[in-house]
Amino acid sequence: MGFDSIWHWLLLLVIVLLIFGTKKIGNIGSDLGNAVRGFKKAMHGDENEKAKESQQAKEQLRADPPAASSANATQEQQRDSHESK
């Protein structure tokens, strides 16, 4: 007697739902997805860490823009106040 009838599959589904419950079955997909993501991170972790380190090194080498002098700042503020009126 094989599982070739739809009634056998429905009976099996009901038994599985009774044993595990709908909440556990609903969480299987997200748990499996998290496991796959964790596995991928573990496999490619070294490459990502090296990329992040090189990105941080590039950001540290960038110079800040020169600060505006106080005379230029007051002129810009006066111009902005005249333009807004």
N, C-alpha and C. Protein backbone atom coordinates (compact mmCIF):
# COMPACT_ATOMS: atom_id res chain seq x y z
N MET A 1 0.86 -1.17 0.00
CA MET A 1 0.00 0.00 0.00
C MET A 1 0.90 1.23 0.00
N GLY A 2 0.95 1.94 -1.10
CA GLY A 2 1.80 3.10 -1.24
C GLY A 2 1.04 4.39 -1.01
N PHE A 3 1.75 5.48 -1.13
CA PHE A 3 1.14 6.80 -0.95
C PHE A 3 0.78 7.38 -2.31
N ASP A 4 -0.02 6.67 -3.06
CA ASP A 4 -0.41 7.14 -4.37
C ASP A 4 -1.79 7.79 -4.37
N SER A 5 -2.50 7.72 -3.27
CA SER A 5 -3.84 8.30 -3.18
C SER A 5 -3.76 9.66 -2.48
N ILE A 6 -4.63 10.58 -2.87
CA ILE A 6 -4.69 11.90 -2.26
C ILE A 6 -5.10 11.79 -0.80
N TRP A 7 -5.91 10.78 -0.47
CA TRP A 7 -6.37 10.61 0.91
C TRP A 7 -5.21 10.23 1.83
N HIS A 8 -4.28 9.48 1.33
CA HIS A 8 -3.11 9.15 2.14
C HIS A 8 -2.29 10.40 2.45
N TRP A 9 -2.11 11.26 1.45
CA TRP A 9 -1.35 12.49 1.65
C TRP A 9 -2.07 13.43 2.62
N LEU A 10 -3.39 13.53 2.50
CA LEU A 10 -4.14 14.39 3.41
C LEU A 10 -4.07 13.88 4.85
N LEU A 11 -4.17 12.56 5.03
CA LEU A 11 -4.08 11.97 6.35
C LEU A 11 -2.69 12.21 6.94
N LEU A 12 -1.67 12.08 6.13
CA LEU A 12 -0.30 12.34 6.58
C LEU A 12 -0.13 13.80 6.98
N LEU A 13 -0.70 14.72 6.22
CA LEU A 13 -0.62 16.14 6.52
C LEU A 13 -1.30 16.45 7.85
N VAL A 14 -2.45 15.87 8.09
CA VAL A 14 -3.17 16.09 9.35
C VAL A 14 -2.36 15.56 10.53
N ILE A 15 -1.76 14.41 10.38
CA ILE A 15 -0.94 13.84 11.46
C ILE A 15 0.26 14.72 11.74
N VAL A 16 0.92 15.21 10.70
CA VAL A 16 2.08 16.09 10.89
C VAL A 16 1.66 17.38 11.58
N LEU A 17 0.51 17.95 11.19
CA LEU A 17 0.03 19.17 11.84
C LEU A 17 -0.30 18.93 13.31
N LEU A 18 -0.86 17.79 13.62
CA LEU A 18 -1.18 17.48 15.01
C LEU A 18 0.08 17.29 15.85
N ILE A 19 1.10 16.69 15.28
CA ILE A 19 2.33 16.43 16.03
C ILE A 19 3.13 17.71 16.24
N PHE A 20 3.37 18.46 15.17
CA PHE A 20 4.26 19.62 15.24
C PHE A 20 3.53 20.92 15.51
N GLY A 21 2.30 21.03 15.11
CA GLY A 21 1.57 22.29 15.27
C GLY A 21 1.88 23.24 14.14
N THR A 22 0.98 24.17 13.92
CA THR A 22 1.13 25.09 12.79
C THR A 22 2.24 26.11 13.03
N LYS A 23 2.48 26.49 14.28
CA LYS A 23 3.50 27.51 14.56
C LYS A 23 4.89 26.99 14.23
N LYS A 24 5.20 25.77 14.62
CA LYS A 24 6.52 25.22 14.33
C LYS A 24 6.71 25.03 12.83
N ILE A 25 5.68 24.60 12.14
CA ILE A 25 5.79 24.41 10.70
C ILE A 25 5.96 25.75 10.00
N GLY A 26 5.29 26.78 10.49
CA GLY A 26 5.44 28.12 9.91
C GLY A 26 6.82 28.70 10.10
N ASN A 27 7.48 28.32 11.17
CA ASN A 27 8.83 28.85 11.45
C ASN A 27 9.92 28.11 10.72
N ILE A 28 9.61 27.00 10.11
CA ILE A 28 10.64 26.21 9.42
C ILE A 28 11.30 27.02 8.31
N GLY A 29 10.50 27.74 7.53
CA GLY A 29 11.04 28.51 6.40
C GLY A 29 12.01 29.58 6.84
N SER A 30 11.64 30.36 7.86
CA SER A 30 12.54 31.42 8.31
C SER A 30 13.78 30.84 8.98
N ASP A 31 13.61 29.76 9.72
CA ASP A 31 14.78 29.12 10.34
C ASP A 31 15.75 28.58 9.30
N LEU A 32 15.21 27.98 8.26
CA LEU A 32 16.05 27.46 7.20
C LEU A 32 16.76 28.60 6.46
N GLY A 33 16.05 29.70 6.22
CA GLY A 33 16.67 30.86 5.57
C GLY A 33 17.80 31.45 6.39
N ASN A 34 17.59 31.55 7.71
CA ASN A 34 18.65 32.07 8.59
C ASN A 34 19.86 31.15 8.60
N ALA A 35 19.61 29.86 8.56
CA ALA A 35 20.72 28.90 8.54
C ALA A 35 21.53 29.03 7.26
N VAL A 36 20.85 29.20 6.13
CA VAL A 36 21.55 29.34 4.85
C VAL A 36 22.35 30.64 4.83
N ARG A 37 21.76 31.74 5.33
CA ARG A 37 22.49 33.01 5.38
C ARG A 37 23.72 32.91 6.27
N GLY A 38 23.58 32.25 7.41
CA GLY A 38 24.72 32.07 8.30
C GLY A 38 25.82 31.25 7.64
N PHE A 39 25.43 30.23 6.90
CA PHE A 39 26.41 29.41 6.19
C PHE A 39 27.14 30.22 5.13
N LYS A 40 26.41 31.04 4.39
CA LYS A 40 27.03 31.87 3.36
C LYS A 40 27.99 32.88 3.98
N LYS A 41 27.61 33.46 5.14
CA LYS A 41 28.49 34.40 5.82
C LYS A 41 29.77 33.72 6.26
N ALA A 42 29.63 32.50 6.76
CA ALA A 42 30.81 31.77 7.21
C ALA A 42 31.74 31.43 6.05
N MET A 43 31.17 31.13 4.90
CA MET A 43 31.98 30.79 3.74
C MET A 43 32.69 32.00 3.15
N HIS A 44 32.04 33.16 3.17
CA HIS A 44 32.60 34.36 2.54
C HIS A 44 33.00 35.41 3.57
N GLY A 45 33.13 35.04 4.82
CA GLY A 45 33.43 35.98 5.88
C GLY A 45 34.77 36.66 5.72
N ASP A 46 35.80 35.92 5.31
CA ASP A 46 37.14 36.51 5.18
C ASP A 46 37.16 37.58 4.10
N GLU A 47 36.49 37.34 2.99
CA GLU A 47 36.47 38.31 1.90
C GLU A 47 35.75 39.59 2.32
N ASN A 48 34.64 39.44 3.04
CA ASN A 48 33.90 40.62 3.48
C ASN A 48 34.70 41.42 4.50
N GLU A 49 35.40 40.75 5.40
CA GLU A 49 36.20 41.47 6.39
C GLU A 49 37.33 42.23 5.72
N LYS A 50 37.98 41.63 4.73
CA LYS A 50 39.07 42.32 4.03
C LYS A 50 38.54 43.53 3.28
N ALA A 51 37.36 43.40 2.68
CA ALA A 51 36.76 44.52 1.95
C ALA A 51 36.42 45.66 2.90
N LYS A 52 35.87 45.32 4.07
CA LYS A 52 35.53 46.35 5.04
C LYS A 52 36.78 47.05 5.56
N GLU A 53 37.85 46.30 5.80
CA GLU A 53 39.08 46.91 6.29
C GLU A 53 39.68 47.86 5.26
N SER A 54 39.66 47.46 3.99
CA SER A 54 40.20 48.34 2.96
C SER A 54 39.33 49.58 2.80
N GLN A 55 38.02 49.43 2.95
CA GLN A 55 37.10 50.57 2.85
C GLN A 55 37.37 51.54 4.01
N GLN A 56 37.59 51.02 5.20
CA GLN A 56 37.87 51.87 6.35
C GLN A 56 39.21 52.58 6.17
N ALA A 57 40.19 51.90 5.60
CA ALA A 57 41.49 52.52 5.38
C ALA A 57 41.37 53.66 4.37
N LYS A 58 40.55 53.48 3.33
CA LYS A 58 40.35 54.54 2.35
C LYS A 58 39.66 55.74 2.98
N GLU A 59 38.68 55.48 3.85
CA GLU A 59 37.96 56.59 4.49
C GLU A 59 38.87 57.36 5.44
N GLN A 60 39.80 56.67 6.09
CA GLN A 60 40.70 57.34 7.01
C GLN A 60 41.72 58.21 6.27
N LEU A 61 42.04 57.88 5.03
CA LEU A 61 43.03 58.63 4.28
C LEU A 61 42.47 59.91 3.67
N ARG A 62 41.17 60.02 3.60
CA ARG A 62 40.57 61.22 3.02
C ARG A 62 40.76 62.40 3.96
N ALA A 63 41.12 63.56 3.39
CA ALA A 63 41.32 64.76 4.19
C ALA A 63 40.00 65.50 4.33
N ASP A 64 39.86 66.20 5.44
CA ASP A 64 38.68 67.02 5.65
C ASP A 64 38.81 68.28 4.79
N PRO A 65 37.69 68.83 4.34
CA PRO A 65 37.77 70.06 3.57
C PRO A 65 38.26 71.20 4.46
N PRO A 66 38.95 72.18 3.88
CA PRO A 66 39.47 73.27 4.71
C PRO A 66 38.33 74.07 5.33
N ALA A 67 38.56 74.50 6.54
CA ALA A 67 37.54 75.26 7.26
C ALA A 67 37.48 76.67 6.67
N ALA A 68 36.28 77.22 6.59
CA ALA A 68 36.10 78.57 6.06
C ALA A 68 36.58 79.57 7.10
N SER A 69 37.23 80.61 6.62
CA SER A 69 37.71 81.63 7.56
C SER A 69 36.52 82.40 8.12
N SER A 70 36.72 83.05 9.24
CA SER A 70 35.61 83.75 9.89
C SER A 70 35.14 84.94 9.05
N ALA A 71 36.04 85.57 8.29
CA ALA A 71 35.64 86.70 7.44
C ALA A 71 34.73 86.20 6.31
N ASN A 72 35.09 85.07 5.71
CA ASN A 72 34.26 84.52 4.65
C ASN A 72 32.92 84.06 5.19
N ALA A 73 32.92 83.54 6.40
CA ALA A 73 31.68 83.06 6.99
C ALA A 73 30.72 84.20 7.26
N THR A 74 31.23 85.34 7.76
CA THR A 74 30.34 86.47 8.03
C THR A 74 29.82 87.07 6.73
N GLN A 75 30.64 87.10 5.68
CA GLN A 75 30.18 87.60 4.39
C GLN A 75 29.07 86.70 3.83
N GLU A 76 29.23 85.40 3.96
CA GLU A 76 28.22 84.47 3.47
C GLU A 76 26.92 84.61 4.25
N GLN A 77 27.03 84.82 5.56
CA GLN A 77 25.83 84.98 6.38
C GLN A 77 25.10 86.26 6.01
N GLN A 78 25.85 87.34 5.78
CA GLN A 78 25.22 88.59 5.39
C GLN A 78 24.55 88.46 4.03
N ARG A 79 25.22 87.79 3.09
CA ARG A 79 24.64 87.60 1.76
C ARG A 79 23.38 86.75 1.84
N ASP A 80 23.42 85.71 2.67
CA ASP A 80 22.25 84.86 2.82
C ASP A 80 21.09 85.61 3.44
N SER A 81 21.39 86.49 4.40
CA SER A 81 20.30 87.24 5.05
C SER A 81 19.69 88.25 4.08
N HIS A 82 20.51 88.85 3.20
CA HIS A 82 19.98 89.78 2.20
C HIS A 82 19.16 89.04 1.15
N GLU A 83 19.60 87.87 0.78
CA GLU A 83 18.87 87.10 -0.25
C GLU A 83 17.53 86.61 0.25
N SER A 84 17.44 86.30 1.54
CA SER A 84 16.20 85.78 2.08
C SER A 84 15.15 86.85 2.27
N LYS A 85 15.56 88.14 2.28
CA LYS A 85 14.60 89.22 2.50
C LYS A 85 13.86 89.54 1.27
